Amino acid sequence: MPQPKLYDEDLFRAFTLEHLLPVLFFTLLCILWIKSSKAYTKVVQIRQALIFSLVLAGTNIILMIFKFTQNNLSLTEDLPFHLCNFLTLVYPVTLIYQSRWFFGILYFWVLVGTFQAILTPELKESFPHPIYFKYWLVHCGLVMLVIHGIFVLNWTVYKKDLFNAIIGANVYLVFSFIVNITFGSNYFYSMHKPKTASLLDYLGPWPWYLISGQLIMVFLFYLYFLPIHLKAKKTNL
């Protein structure tokens, strides 16, 4: 006899209140965090960011452990190899070692990749499923951490970081191919497009969207670098 579902799945609808409200909530939370952080010392500011980054990483780890204990862990879906989930695991390392170099890469990966996941979520579970809350916490939380790094920790992004981000994205693409061939998965969407609507829908079929996607990625990286470049140029006048 089939077990009844505790939550509805495949019912999430983009651009409805269950999409817009979490975005609004985390936007307001980010503004409040940035403004309140100005009153603290640099040590406290870094500690706050580290604790928050560990919460994001812990959310992914705890979910995997829970699914494993329930014999429900899927190697094709639940490993932390989608880019956003992977970034939650490496962001604490960036803060622990105060690696401005890696932050320069994360700036582009998060604001282009993760922000795209906020605009066009690949989310099946609707409110109040736990995965729903985990999705918004992880994706919005990563954007908050990057904004905090720029405006509170005063980390600078250079043009060389843009090129490092492009090279790193292609290295991760190759890594995703290896993982996906091994497990029959679709991490980083390198084997096929996500089932939900996304920018990839306009970039042609596989594998051509991987090539055309490179051009879009470079354009967006430059777009996000523009305000950094203009600010630096203005400062040097």
Foldseek 3Di string as FASTA:
>chain_A
DDDDDPFDWQPDDPPDCQLPVLVVVLVVVLVVCLVVLQVDDLVVLLVVLLVLLVVLLVLLVVVQVVCVVVVNHALQPRDQLAVLSVCSVCVSVCSVVVPLLVLLLLLLCLVPVLVQCSNFPLGTTTPPDPVSVSSSSSSSSSVSSNVCCCRPVVRAHDPVSLVVNLVVVVVSLVVQVVSCVVRVHQHNNCVFHRPTDGPLVPQDGPPRSVVSVSVVSSVSSVVSCVVSVVVVVVVVD
